[in-house]
Amino acid sequence: MRVAKIIIAAWCLSANVACRGTDPQGNSSPQNTEIAGRSETQLLLNDAVLEQSSNQGNLSWKIKSETATYSADQKNAYLEKITANLIDNGKIILQVSAEQGEVRDNNNLILLQDKVVAVDPRSDIVLNSDRAEWRPQENILIITENLRVNNSNLEVTANQAKYFSDRENLELTGQVVVNAVDPYLIMSTERLLWKIPQKRLIGNLPWQVVRYQEDIVTDRLVADRGEVDLQQNILSLSQNIEIISLDPQLQIATNAAQWDYQNRLVTATEPIQVVDRQRQLDVTGNQGQVDLIAEVVTLQGGVKGIDNRELSTLHSQELTWDIPGQTVTATGNVVYNEP
């Protein structure tokens, strides 16, 4: 059995009357995540320290608070000005602070509210929110309101999240927005998994990405699914992919691609379509690559090109389109038709 203890610097007994957070019988509802009110005669502790140990006697977590007020049945503790540490094998893996809190469920549930901050010193990730539930024995911090996350590379906001401190995984839900730097990207979706040690973002719902260069939009992207390798600066995409480049003005569509967003290089492993609406050119192939910095399109397999101004078509096995040079080089079973 886990052991919890209280270290008391100063204490006194006080009487308070509840004004919130109770059911008709006067008990705090365990379903309500609001910090409960105080009722009847309670034990008030100043400069209190609460500790929880594992079955092996190792310290699991430690909470300090300016005041800790226990309910009459001693089952709940109401805390003010909280600082806490989650400890694994003698090392701090999560540091938590909040203005208010409540310890419930035999010390298995800690409710936090007002200026909630959680820091993982292993990755220097900082989570800020208005309200959270901390389940230290399960290694879960549940953000229930207005998540804001920062580390050296990303800024993230979301409606809700779960942080699994043992795996260093952050599950984000509801209006997720990720701001990345160098280059500057804004990614938005409704659900995202951030595997922090692996430096990966995984999204299984439609999302949008906007790339900036010196505050100027260079590319816009939509896709049904994607995975970002933050170390390699590569976004792997699948299903209903559309990339719109503003310079050069191209529209790219495919169902499977990798986008090197640092070098603006798109590599498609399934049929790809590239459209230049200004020049009214449309080229397709079974796979290909688009270098948006060099402005070169290279396609392979079942290539077809359509010039809608000249009303001409081109079929080949391979095609290289040099956009600045305004040249198209086709090889392999080349068939060219014009009016």
C-alpha atoms as a PDB file:
ATOM      1  CA  MET A   1       0.000   0.000   0.000  1.00  0.00           C
ATOM      2  CA  ARG A   2       1.218   3.495  -0.785  1.00  0.00           C
ATOM      3  CA  VAL A   3       1.900   5.664   2.228  1.00  0.00           C
ATOM      4  CA  ALA A   4       1.009   9.336   2.546  1.00  0.00           C
ATOM      5  CA  LYS A   5       2.147  11.628   5.310  1.00  0.00           C
ATOM      6  CA  ILE A   6       1.781  15.269   6.320  1.00  0.00           C
ATOM      7  CA  ILE A   7       4.587  17.393   7.691  1.00  0.00           C
ATOM      8  CA  ILE A   8       3.202  20.311   9.704  1.00  0.00           C
ATOM      9  CA  ALA A   9       5.093  23.534  10.305  1.00  0.00           C
ATOM     10  CA  ALA A  10       2.162  25.195  12.087  1.00  0.00           C
ATOM     11  CA  TRP A  11      -1.479  24.247  12.541  1.00  0.00           C
ATOM     12  CA  CYS A  12      -4.726  25.345  14.071  1.00  0.00           C
ATOM     13  CA  LEU A  13      -8.331  24.139  14.194  1.00  0.00           C
ATOM     14  CA  SER A  14     -10.921  26.348  12.566  1.00  0.00           C
ATOM     15  CA  ALA A  15     -14.635  26.277  11.759  1.00  0.00           C
ATOM     16  CA  ASN A  16     -15.901  27.227   8.302  1.00  0.00           C
ATOM     17  CA  VAL A  17     -19.246  27.026   6.584  1.00  0.00           C
ATOM     18  CA  ALA A  18     -19.511  25.635   3.049  1.00  0.00           C
ATOM     19  CA  CYS A  19     -20.881  27.901   0.316  1.00  0.00           C
ATOM     20  CA  ARG A  20     -20.066  25.902  -2.879  1.00  0.00           C
ATOM     21  CA  GLY A  21     -19.189  22.510  -4.305  1.00  0.00           C
ATOM     22  CA  THR A  22     -21.593  20.388  -2.186  1.00  0.00           C
ATOM     23  CA  ASP A  23     -24.458  18.034  -2.880  1.00  0.00           C
ATOM     24  CA  PRO A  24     -27.733  18.184  -0.915  1.00  0.00           C
ATOM     25  CA  GLN A  25     -26.131  16.098   1.864  1.00  0.00           C
ATOM     26  CA  GLY A  26     -23.240  18.541   2.168  1.00  0.00           C
ATOM     27  CA  ASN A  27     -20.580  16.311   0.577  1.00  0.00           C
ATOM     28  CA  SER A  28     -18.354  17.398  -2.256  1.00  0.00           C
ATOM     29  CA  SER A  29     -19.324  15.690  -5.480  1.00  0.00           C
ATOM     30  CA  PRO A  30     -16.426  13.548  -6.770  1.00  0.00           C
ATOM     31  CA  GLN A  31     -17.601  14.193 -10.332  1.00  0.00           C
ATOM     32  CA  ASN A  32     -17.132  17.952 -10.028  1.00  0.00           C
ATOM     33  CA  THR A  33     -13.679  19.105 -11.059  1.00  0.00           C
ATOM     34  CA  GLU A  34     -14.139  22.507  -9.403  1.00  0.00           C
ATOM     35  CA  ILE A  35     -12.156  23.016  -6.220  1.00  0.00           C
ATOM     36  CA  ALA A  36     -14.726  22.192  -3.538  1.00  0.00           C
ATOM     37  CA  GLY A  37     -15.794  24.451  -0.707  1.00  0.00           C
ATOM     38  CA  ARG A  38     -14.999  23.874   2.962  1.00  0.00           C
ATOM     39  CA  SER A  39     -17.567  22.518   5.358  1.00  0.00           C
ATOM     40  CA  GLU A  40     -18.096  22.097   9.072  1.00  0.00           C
ATOM     41  CA  THR A  41     -15.110  21.905  11.438  1.00  0.00           C
ATOM     42  CA  GLN A  42     -11.811  21.559   9.629  1.00  0.00           C
ATOM     43  CA  LEU A  43      -8.131  21.207  10.374  1.00  0.00           C
ATOM     44  CA  LEU A  44      -6.138  24.148   8.990  1.00  0.00           C
ATOM     45  CA  LEU A  45      -2.416  23.619   8.454  1.00  0.00           C
ATOM     46  CA  ASN A  46       0.038  26.367   7.610  1.00  0.00           C
ATOM     47  CA  ASP A  47       3.206  25.657   5.605  1.00  0.00           C
ATOM     48  CA  ALA A  48       2.126  22.076   5.073  1.00  0.00           C
ATOM     49  CA  VAL A  49       4.012  19.354   3.191  1.00  0.00           C
ATOM     50  CA  LEU A  50       2.221  16.292   1.807  1.00  0.00           C
ATOM     51  CA  GLU A  51       4.231  13.293   0.632  1.00  0.00           C
ATOM     52  CA  GLN A  52       3.324  10.022  -1.040  1.00  0.00           C
ATOM     53  CA  SER A  53       5.580   6.959  -1.128  1.00  0.00           C
ATOM     54  CA  SER A  54       5.487   3.851  -3.304  1.00  0.00           C
ATOM     55  CA  ASN A  55       5.072   0.287  -2.073  1.00  0.00           C
ATOM     56  CA  GLN A  56       8.862   0.048  -2.003  1.00  0.00           C
ATOM     57  CA  GLY A  57       9.096   3.080   0.245  1.00  0.00           C
ATOM     58  CA  ASN A  58      10.425   5.427  -2.448  1.00  0.00           C
ATOM     59  CA  LEU A  59       9.122   8.986  -2.524  1.00  0.00           C
ATOM     60  CA  SER A  60       6.589   9.320  -5.400  1.00  0.00           C
ATOM     61  CA  TRP A  61       5.436  12.900  -5.015  1.00  0.00           C
ATOM     62  CA  LYS A  62       5.712  15.832  -2.678  1.00  0.00           C
ATOM     63  CA  ILE A  63       3.429  18.847  -2.316  1.00  0.00           C
ATOM     64  CA  LYS A  64       4.081  22.064  -0.416  1.00  0.00           C
ATOM     65  CA  SER A  65       1.310  24.581   0.239  1.00  0.00           C
ATOM     66  CA  GLU A  66       0.963  27.765   2.245  1.00  0.00           C
ATOM     67  CA  THR A  67      -2.237  26.392   3.776  1.00  0.00           C
ATOM     68  CA  ALA A  68      -3.892  22.963   3.763  1.00  0.00           C
ATOM     69  CA  THR A  69      -7.414  22.685   5.119  1.00  0.00           C
ATOM     70  CA  TYR A  70      -8.817  19.198   5.702  1.00  0.00           C
ATOM     71  CA  SER A  71     -12.530  18.393   5.520  1.00  0.00           C
ATOM     72  CA  ALA A  72     -14.296  17.137   8.624  1.00  0.00           C
ATOM     73  CA  ASP A  73     -14.006  13.518   7.464  1.00  0.00           C
ATOM     74  CA  GLN A  74     -10.293  14.078   6.642  1.00  0.00           C
ATOM     75  CA  LYS A  75     -10.805  12.696   3.118  1.00  0.00           C
ATOM     76  CA  ASN A  76     -10.158  15.914   1.182  1.00  0.00           C
ATOM     77  CA  ALA A  77      -7.489  18.579   1.593  1.00  0.00           C
ATOM     78  CA  TYR A  78      -7.936  22.082   0.185  1.00  0.00           C
ATOM     79  CA  LEU A  79      -4.636  23.743  -0.695  1.00  0.00           C
ATOM     80  CA  GLU A  80      -3.492  27.308  -1.362  1.00  0.00           C
ATOM     81  CA  LYS A  81      -0.283  28.395  -3.142  1.00  0.00           C
ATOM     82  CA  ILE A  82       0.890  24.964  -4.264  1.00  0.00           C
ATOM     83  CA  THR A  83       4.272  23.700  -5.451  1.00  0.00           C
ATOM     84  CA  ALA A  84       4.717  19.999  -6.130  1.00  0.00           C
ATOM     85  CA  ASN A  85       7.153  17.483  -7.573  1.00  0.00           C
ATOM     86  CA  LEU A  86       6.530  14.125  -9.227  1.00  0.00           C
ATOM     87  CA  ILE A  87       9.511  11.858  -8.565  1.00  0.00           C
ATOM     88  CA  ASP A  88      10.705   8.713 -10.369  1.00  0.00           C
ATOM     89  CA  ASN A  89      13.734   6.745  -9.139  1.00  0.00           C
ATOM     90  CA  GLY A  90      14.824   9.693  -7.076  1.00  0.00           C
ATOM     91  CA  LYS A  91      14.661  12.175  -9.962  1.00  0.00           C
ATOM     92  CA  ILE A  92      12.117  14.950 -10.426  1.00  0.00           C
ATOM     93  CA  ILE A  93      10.238  14.377 -13.685  1.00  0.00           C
ATOM     94  CA  LEU A  94       7.477  16.957 -13.275  1.00  0.00           C
ATOM     95  CA  GLN A  95       7.265  20.210 -11.338  1.00  0.00           C
ATOM     96  CA  VAL A  96       3.767  21.609 -10.762  1.00  0.00           C
ATOM     97  CA  SER A  97       2.461  24.825  -9.262  1.00  0.00           C
ATOM     98  CA  ALA A  98      -0.978  26.425  -8.879  1.00  0.00           C
ATOM     99  CA  GLU A  99      -2.803  29.023  -6.820  1.00  0.00           C
ATOM    100  CA  GLN A 100      -5.385  26.551  -5.537  1.00  0.00           C
ATOM    101  CA  GLY A 101      -5.793  22.809  -5.307  1.00  0.00           C
ATOM    102  CA  GLU A 102      -7.599  19.929  -3.698  1.00  0.00           C
ATOM    103  CA  VAL A 103      -6.413  16.431  -2.837  1.00  0.00           C
ATOM    104  CA  ARG A 104      -9.083  13.745  -3.266  1.00  0.00           C
ATOM    105  CA  ASP A 105      -9.601  10.024  -3.740  1.00  0.00           C
ATOM    106  CA  ASN A 106      -7.126   8.825  -1.116  1.00  0.00           C
ATOM    107  CA  ASN A 107      -4.404  11.094  -2.560  1.00  0.00           C
ATOM    108  CA  ASN A 108      -4.863   9.673  -6.062  1.00  0.00           C
ATOM    109  CA  LEU A 109      -6.461  12.818  -7.535  1.00  0.00           C
ATOM    110  CA  ILE A 110      -5.188  16.368  -7.190  1.00  0.00           C
ATOM    111  CA  LEU A 111      -7.323  19.129  -8.687  1.00  0.00           C
ATOM    112  CA  LEU A 112      -5.539  22.334  -9.666  1.00  0.00           C
ATOM    113  CA  GLN A 113      -6.786  25.728 -10.739  1.00  0.00           C
ATOM    114  CA  ASP A 114      -5.605  29.317 -11.293  1.00  0.00           C
ATOM    115  CA  LYS A 115      -2.190  29.806 -12.894  1.00  0.00           C
ATOM    116  CA  VAL A 116      -1.460  26.116 -13.257  1.00  0.00           C
ATOM    117  CA  VAL A 117       2.105  25.525 -14.475  1.00  0.00           C
ATOM    118  CA  ALA A 118       3.787  22.166 -15.097  1.00  0.00           C
ATOM    119  CA  VAL A 119       7.446  21.857 -16.116  1.00  0.00           C
ATOM    120  CA  ASP A 120       9.201  18.692 -17.266  1.00  0.00           C
ATOM    121  CA  PRO A 121      12.918  19.308 -16.592  1.00  0.00           C
ATOM    122  CA  ARG A 122      13.938  16.501 -18.969  1.00  0.00           C
ATOM    123  CA  SER A 123      12.707  18.374 -22.040  1.00  0.00           C
ATOM    124  CA  ASP A 124      12.158  21.876 -20.586  1.00  0.00           C
ATOM    125  CA  ILE A 125       8.562  21.708 -21.799  1.00  0.00           C
ATOM    126  CA  VAL A 126       6.297  24.141 -19.923  1.00  0.00           C
ATOM    127  CA  LEU A 127       2.532  23.595 -19.741  1.00  0.00           C
ATOM    128  CA  ASN A 128       0.281  26.455 -18.614  1.00  0.00           C
ATOM    129  CA  SER A 129      -3.468  26.238 -18.060  1.00  0.00           C
ATOM    130  CA  ASP A 130      -6.372  27.557 -16.033  1.00  0.00           C
ATOM    131  CA  ARG A 131      -7.441  24.182 -14.669  1.00  0.00           C
ATOM    132  CA  ALA A 132      -6.000  20.674 -14.500  1.00  0.00           C
ATOM    133  CA  GLU A 133      -6.354  17.251 -12.887  1.00  0.00           C
ATOM    134  CA  TRP A 134      -3.164  15.593 -11.724  1.00  0.00           C
ATOM    135  CA  ARG A 135      -3.124  11.827 -11.185  1.00  0.00           C
ATOM    136  CA  PRO A 136       0.453  11.253 -10.011  1.00  0.00           C
ATOM    137  CA  GLN A 137       0.143   7.501  -9.466  1.00  0.00           C
ATOM    138  CA  GLU A 138      -0.962   7.145 -13.102  1.00  0.00           C
ATOM    139  CA  ASN A 139       1.643   9.638 -14.371  1.00  0.00           C
ATOM    140  CA  ILE A 140      -1.091  11.727 -16.045  1.00  0.00           C
ATOM    141  CA  LEU A 141      -1.731  15.451 -15.992  1.00  0.00           C
ATOM    142  CA  ILE A 142      -5.114  16.239 -17.571  1.00  0.00           C
ATOM    143  CA  ILE A 143      -5.472  19.800 -18.821  1.00  0.00           C
ATOM    144  CA  THR A 144      -9.149  20.700 -18.809  1.00  0.00           C
ATOM    145  CA  GLU A 145      -9.005  24.375 -19.806  1.00  0.00           C
ATOM    146  CA  ASN A 146      -6.908  26.578 -22.093  1.00  0.00           C
ATOM    147  CA  LEU A 147      -3.612  24.779 -22.565  1.00  0.00           C
ATOM    148  CA  ARG A 148      -0.536  26.798 -23.541  1.00  0.00           C
ATOM    149  CA  VAL A 149       2.723  24.929 -24.107  1.00  0.00           C
ATOM    150  CA  ASN A 150       6.220  26.230 -24.717  1.00  0.00           C
ATOM    151  CA  ASN A 151       9.642  24.784 -25.322  1.00  0.00           C
ATOM    152  CA  SER A 152      12.641  25.961 -27.318  1.00  0.00           C
ATOM    153  CA  ASN A 153      11.132  25.010 -30.701  1.00  0.00           C
ATOM    154  CA  LEU A 154       7.347  25.096 -30.403  1.00  0.00           C
ATOM    155  CA  GLU A 155       4.459  27.071 -28.984  1.00  0.00           C
ATOM    156  CA  VAL A 156       1.210  25.120 -28.758  1.00  0.00           C
ATOM    157  CA  THR A 157      -2.338  25.943 -27.697  1.00  0.00           C
ATOM    158  CA  ALA A 158      -5.320  23.606 -27.335  1.00  0.00           C
ATOM    159  CA  ASN A 159      -8.619  23.358 -25.492  1.00  0.00           C
ATOM    160  CA  GLN A 160      -7.632  20.221 -23.598  1.00  0.00           C
ATOM    161  CA  ALA A 161      -4.736  17.804 -23.270  1.00  0.00           C
ATOM    162  CA  LYS A 162      -3.311  14.809 -21.443  1.00  0.00           C
ATOM    163  CA  TYR A 163       0.353  14.713 -20.525  1.00  0.00           C
ATOM    164  CA  PHE A 164       1.783  11.248 -19.822  1.00  0.00           C
ATOM    165  CA  SER A 165       4.870  12.085 -17.805  1.00  0.00           C
ATOM    166  CA  ASP A 166       6.306   8.544 -17.870  1.00  0.00           C
ATOM    167  CA  ARG A 167       6.380   8.505 -21.708  1.00  0.00           C
ATOM    168  CA  GLU A 168       6.668  12.268 -22.195  1.00  0.00           C
ATOM    169  CA  ASN A 169       3.726  12.169 -24.602  1.00  0.00           C
ATOM    170  CA  LEU A 170       1.249  15.029 -24.924  1.00  0.00           C
ATOM    171  CA  GLU A 171      -2.203  14.304 -26.405  1.00  0.00           C
ATOM    172  CA  LEU A 172      -3.832  17.542 -27.588  1.00  0.00           C
ATOM    173  CA  THR A 173      -7.502  17.980 -28.487  1.00  0.00           C
ATOM    174  CA  GLY A 174      -9.775  20.819 -29.553  1.00  0.00           C
ATOM    175  CA  GLN A 175      -8.555  23.741 -31.673  1.00  0.00           C
ATOM    176  CA  VAL A 176      -4.926  22.656 -31.608  1.00  0.00           C
ATOM    177  CA  VAL A 177      -2.534  25.284 -32.990  1.00  0.00           C
ATOM    178  CA  VAL A 178       1.215  24.691 -33.265  1.00  0.00           C
ATOM    179  CA  ASN A 179       3.701  27.476 -33.970  1.00  0.00           C
ATOM    180  CA  ALA A 180       7.137  26.234 -35.051  1.00  0.00           C
ATOM    181  CA  VAL A 181      10.228  28.310 -35.712  1.00  0.00           C
ATOM    182  CA  ASP A 182      13.005  28.173 -38.331  1.00  0.00           C
ATOM    183  CA  PRO A 183      11.143  28.111 -40.607  1.00  0.00           C
ATOM    184  CA  TYR A 184       8.047  29.633 -39.131  1.00  0.00           C
ATOM    185  CA  LEU A 185       5.056  27.284 -39.484  1.00  0.00           C
ATOM    186  CA  ILE A 186       1.518  27.478 -38.141  1.00  0.00           C
ATOM    187  CA  MET A 187      -0.181  24.067 -37.967  1.00  0.00           C
ATOM    188  CA  SER A 188      -3.796  23.622 -36.894  1.00  0.00           C
ATOM    189  CA  THR A 189      -5.995  20.571 -36.346  1.00  0.00           C
ATOM    190  CA  GLU A 190      -8.432  19.107 -33.815  1.00  0.00           C
ATOM    191  CA  ARG A 191      -6.276  16.317 -32.373  1.00  0.00           C
ATOM    192  CA  LEU A 192      -2.523  15.847 -32.217  1.00  0.00           C
ATOM    193  CA  LEU A 193      -0.049  13.578 -30.437  1.00  0.00           C
ATOM    194  CA  TRP A 194       3.307  15.115 -29.541  1.00  0.00           C
ATOM    195  CA  LYS A 195       5.970  12.487 -28.816  1.00  0.00           C
ATOM    196  CA  ILE A 196       8.434  14.802 -27.154  1.00  0.00           C
ATOM    197  CA  PRO A 197      11.570  12.590 -26.867  1.00  0.00           C
ATOM    198  CA  GLN A 198      11.143  11.456 -30.493  1.00  0.00           C
ATOM    199  CA  LYS A 199      10.505  15.048 -31.640  1.00  0.00           C
ATOM    200  CA  ARG A 200       7.409  13.979 -33.584  1.00  0.00           C
ATOM    201  CA  LEU A 201       3.900  15.355 -34.067  1.00  0.00           C
ATOM    202  CA  ILE A 202       1.254  12.885 -35.267  1.00  0.00           C
ATOM    203  CA  GLY A 203      -2.160  13.955 -36.509  1.00  0.00           C
ATOM    204  CA  ASN A 204      -4.940  11.640 -37.687  1.00  0.00           C
ATOM    205  CA  LEU A 205      -7.514  14.336 -38.396  1.00  0.00           C
ATOM    206  CA  PRO A 206      -7.520  16.953 -41.181  1.00  0.00           C
ATOM    207  CA  TRP A 207      -5.082  19.730 -40.583  1.00  0.00           C
ATOM    208  CA  GLN A 208      -3.766  22.884 -42.182  1.00  0.00           C
ATOM    209  CA  VAL A 209      -0.222  24.199 -42.382  1.00  0.00           C
ATOM    210  CA  VAL A 210       0.989  27.660 -43.356  1.00  0.00           C
ATOM    211  CA  ARG A 211       4.689  28.271 -43.978  1.00  0.00           C
ATOM    212  CA  TYR A 212       6.253  31.730 -43.621  1.00  0.00           C
ATOM    213  CA  GLN A 213       9.533  33.231 -44.741  1.00  0.00           C
ATOM    214  CA  GLU A 214      10.295  36.558 -43.026  1.00  0.00           C
ATOM    215  CA  ASP A 215       6.598  37.081 -42.215  1.00  0.00           C
ATOM    216  CA  ILE A 216       5.571  36.370 -45.828  1.00  0.00           C
ATOM    217  CA  VAL A 217       3.459  33.303 -46.620  1.00  0.00           C
ATOM    218  CA  THR A 218       5.282  30.976 -49.014  1.00  0.00           C
ATOM    219  CA  ASP A 219       3.105  27.840 -48.887  1.00  0.00           C
ATOM    220  CA  ARG A 220      -0.265  26.627 -47.681  1.00  0.00           C
ATOM    221  CA  LEU A 221      -1.082  22.959 -47.136  1.00  0.00           C
ATOM    222  CA  VAL A 222      -4.071  20.793 -46.243  1.00  0.00           C
ATOM    223  CA  ALA A 223      -4.143  17.022 -45.694  1.00  0.00           C
ATOM    224  CA  ASP A 224      -6.222  14.411 -43.887  1.00  0.00           C
ATOM    225  CA  ARG A 225      -3.276  12.942 -41.947  1.00  0.00           C
ATOM    226  CA  GLY A 226       0.294  13.821 -41.263  1.00  0.00           C
ATOM    227  CA  GLU A 227       3.376  13.269 -39.138  1.00  0.00           C
ATOM    228  CA  VAL A 228       6.055  15.888 -38.491  1.00  0.00           C
ATOM    229  CA  ASP A 229       9.683  14.968 -37.873  1.00  0.00           C
ATOM    230  CA  LEU A 230      10.792  18.098 -36.040  1.00  0.00           C
ATOM    231  CA  GLN A 231      14.443  17.093 -36.131  1.00  0.00           C
ATOM    232  CA  GLN A 232      14.573  16.521 -39.898  1.00  0.00           C
ATOM    233  CA  ASN A 233      12.016  19.254 -40.741  1.00  0.00           C
ATOM    234  CA  ILE A 234       9.950  16.775 -42.764  1.00  0.00           C
ATOM    235  CA  LEU A 235       6.163  16.503 -42.829  1.00  0.00           C
ATOM    236  CA  SER A 236       4.886  13.105 -44.050  1.00  0.00           C
ATOM    237  CA  LEU A 237       1.367  13.426 -45.457  1.00  0.00           C
ATOM    238  CA  SER A 238      -1.421  11.143 -46.622  1.00  0.00           C
ATOM    239  CA  GLN A 239      -4.890  11.464 -48.153  1.00  0.00           C
ATOM    240  CA  ASN A 240      -6.297  14.509 -49.945  1.00  0.00           C
ATOM    241  CA  ILE A 241      -3.079  16.498 -49.904  1.00  0.00           C
ATOM    242  CA  GLU A 242      -3.078  19.930 -51.467  1.00  0.00           C
ATOM    243  CA  ILE A 243      -0.063  22.230 -51.369  1.00  0.00           C
ATOM    244  CA  ILE A 244      -0.352  25.756 -52.723  1.00  0.00           C
ATOM    245  CA  SER A 245       2.914  27.574 -53.393  1.00  0.00           C
ATOM    246  CA  LEU A 246       2.729  31.343 -53.765  1.00  0.00           C
ATOM    247  CA  ASP A 247       6.174  31.678 -55.357  1.00  0.00           C
ATOM    248  CA  PRO A 248       6.214  29.981 -57.804  1.00  0.00           C
ATOM    249  CA  GLN A 249       2.441  29.933 -58.151  1.00  0.00           C
ATOM    250  CA  LEU A 250       1.814  26.190 -58.207  1.00  0.00           C
ATOM    251  CA  GLN A 251      -0.897  23.903 -56.910  1.00  0.00           C
ATOM    252  CA  ILE A 252       0.179  20.347 -55.997  1.00  0.00           C
ATOM    253  CA  ALA A 253      -2.225  17.472 -55.307  1.00  0.00           C
ATOM    254  CA  THR A 254      -1.504  13.873 -54.281  1.00  0.00           C
ATOM    255  CA  ASN A 255      -2.418  11.254 -51.664  1.00  0.00           C
ATOM    256  CA  ALA A 256       1.045  10.446 -50.277  1.00  0.00           C
ATOM    257  CA  ALA A 257       3.992  12.811 -49.999  1.00  0.00           C
ATOM    258  CA  GLN A 258       6.859  14.059 -47.894  1.00  0.00           C
ATOM    259  CA  TRP A 259       7.372  17.795 -47.571  1.00  0.00           C
ATOM    260  CA  ASP A 260      10.801  19.033 -46.552  1.00  0.00           C
ATOM    261  CA  TYR A 261       9.489  22.363 -45.325  1.00  0.00           C
ATOM    262  CA  GLN A 262      12.954  23.732 -44.572  1.00  0.00           C
ATOM    263  CA  ASN A 263      14.015  23.368 -48.231  1.00  0.00           C
ATOM    264  CA  ARG A 264      10.486  23.521 -49.729  1.00  0.00           C
ATOM    265  CA  LEU A 265      10.906  20.143 -51.419  1.00  0.00           C
ATOM    266  CA  VAL A 266       7.813  17.976 -52.088  1.00  0.00           C
ATOM    267  CA  THR A 267       8.319  14.274 -52.872  1.00  0.00           C
ATOM    268  CA  ALA A 268       5.214  12.285 -53.893  1.00  0.00           C
ATOM    269  CA  THR A 269       5.184   8.479 -53.838  1.00  0.00           C
ATOM    270  CA  GLU A 270       1.724   8.202 -55.410  1.00  0.00           C
ATOM    271  CA  PRO A 271       0.160   9.885 -58.484  1.00  0.00           C
ATOM    272  CA  ILE A 272       0.771  13.622 -58.389  1.00  0.00           C
ATOM    273  CA  GLN A 273      -0.722  16.599 -60.216  1.00  0.00           C
ATOM    274  CA  VAL A 274       1.037  19.960 -60.564  1.00  0.00           C
ATOM    275  CA  VAL A 275      -0.892  22.932 -61.927  1.00  0.00           C
ATOM    276  CA  ASP A 276       0.426  26.345 -62.959  1.00  0.00           C
ATOM    277  CA  ARG A 277      -2.762  28.362 -63.361  1.00  0.00           C
ATOM    278  CA  GLN A 278      -0.966  31.480 -64.596  1.00  0.00           C
ATOM    279  CA  ARG A 279       0.679  29.599 -67.466  1.00  0.00           C
ATOM    280  CA  GLN A 280      -2.324  27.231 -67.782  1.00  0.00           C
ATOM    281  CA  LEU A 281      -0.090  24.163 -67.580  1.00  0.00           C
ATOM    282  CA  ASP A 282      -1.181  20.890 -65.973  1.00  0.00           C
ATOM    283  CA  VAL A 283       1.200  17.938 -65.538  1.00  0.00           C
ATOM    284  CA  THR A 284       0.562  14.577 -63.887  1.00  0.00           C
ATOM    285  CA  GLY A 285       2.665  11.491 -63.158  1.00  0.00           C
ATOM    286  CA  ASN A 286       2.695   8.324 -61.067  1.00  0.00           C
ATOM    287  CA  GLN A 287       5.236   9.895 -58.729  1.00  0.00           C
ATOM    288  CA  GLY A 288       7.514  12.886 -58.663  1.00  0.00           C
ATOM    289  CA  GLN A 289       9.275  15.731 -56.942  1.00  0.00           C
ATOM    290  CA  VAL A 290       8.705  19.469 -56.840  1.00  0.00           C
ATOM    291  CA  ASP A 291      11.585  21.722 -55.795  1.00  0.00           C
ATOM    292  CA  LEU A 292       9.892  25.008 -54.981  1.00  0.00           C
ATOM    293  CA  ILE A 293      13.138  26.889 -54.370  1.00  0.00           C
ATOM    294  CA  ALA A 294      14.819  25.794 -57.626  1.00  0.00           C
ATOM    295  CA  GLU A 295      11.380  25.867 -59.324  1.00  0.00           C
ATOM    296  CA  VAL A 296      11.842  22.487 -60.996  1.00  0.00           C
ATOM    297  CA  VAL A 297       9.199  19.745 -61.360  1.00  0.00           C
ATOM    298  CA  THR A 298      10.345  16.167 -62.037  1.00  0.00           C
ATOM    299  CA  LEU A 299       7.771  13.422 -62.750  1.00  0.00           C
ATOM    300  CA  GLN A 300       8.082   9.708 -63.527  1.00  0.00           C
ATOM    301  CA  GLY A 301       5.704   7.049 -64.843  1.00  0.00           C
ATOM    302  CA  GLY A 302       2.644   7.661 -66.991  1.00  0.00           C
ATOM    303  CA  VAL A 303       3.452  11.343 -67.375  1.00  0.00           C
ATOM    304  CA  LYS A 304       0.922  13.584 -69.079  1.00  0.00           C
ATOM    305  CA  GLY A 305       1.239  17.295 -69.713  1.00  0.00           C
ATOM    306  CA  ILE A 306      -1.495  19.637 -70.930  1.00  0.00           C
ATOM    307  CA  ASP A 307      -0.903  23.174 -72.238  1.00  0.00           C
ATOM    308  CA  ASN A 308      -4.360  24.728 -72.119  1.00  0.00           C
ATOM    309  CA  ARG A 309      -3.254  27.868 -73.991  1.00  0.00           C
ATOM    310  CA  GLU A 310      -1.706  25.992 -76.908  1.00  0.00           C
ATOM    311  CA  LEU A 311      -4.254  23.146 -76.640  1.00  0.00           C
ATOM    312  CA  SER A 312      -1.371  20.650 -76.814  1.00  0.00           C
ATOM    313  CA  THR A 313      -0.681  17.434 -74.880  1.00  0.00           C
ATOM    314  CA  LEU A 314       2.482  15.536 -74.069  1.00  0.00           C
ATOM    315  CA  HIS A 315       2.866  11.899 -72.961  1.00  0.00           C
ATOM    316  CA  SER A 316       6.129  10.347 -71.722  1.00  0.00           C
ATOM    317  CA  GLN A 317       7.731   8.157 -69.085  1.00  0.00           C
ATOM    318  CA  GLU A 318       9.699  11.009 -67.521  1.00  0.00           C
ATOM    319  CA  LEU A 319       9.430  14.774 -67.548  1.00  0.00           C
ATOM    320  CA  THR A 320      11.494  17.659 -66.188  1.00  0.00           C
ATOM    321  CA  TRP A 321       9.884  21.086 -66.109  1.00  0.00           C
ATOM    322  CA  ASP A 322      12.224  24.033 -65.539  1.00  0.00           C
ATOM    323  CA  ILE A 323       9.809  26.808 -64.635  1.00  0.00           C
ATOM    324  CA  PRO A 324      12.181  29.837 -64.758  1.00  0.00           C
ATOM    325  CA  GLY A 325      13.727  28.550 -68.002  1.00  0.00           C
ATOM    326  CA  GLN A 326      10.253  27.830 -69.432  1.00  0.00           C
ATOM    327  CA  THR A 327      11.444  24.487 -70.785  1.00  0.00           C
ATOM    328  CA  VAL A 328       9.998  20.983 -70.596  1.00  0.00           C
ATOM    329  CA  THR A 329      12.206  17.962 -71.245  1.00  0.00           C
ATOM    330  CA  ALA A 330      10.432  14.635 -71.857  1.00  0.00           C
ATOM    331  CA  THR A 331      12.039  11.183 -72.255  1.00  0.00           C
ATOM    332  CA  GLY A 332      10.747   7.652 -72.852  1.00  0.00           C
ATOM    333  CA  ASN A 333       7.891   6.859 -75.266  1.00  0.00           C
ATOM    334  CA  VAL A 334       7.295  10.528 -75.987  1.00  0.00           C
ATOM    335  CA  VAL A 335       4.066  11.419 -77.786  1.00  0.00           C
ATOM    336  CA  TYR A 336       3.304  15.066 -78.511  1.00  0.00           C
ATOM    337  CA  ASN A 337       0.030  16.345 -79.968  1.00  0.00           C
ATOM    338  CA  GLU A 338      -1.011  19.847 -81.007  1.00  0.00           C
ATOM    339  CA  PRO A 339      -3.892  21.260 -83.045  1.00  0.00           C
END
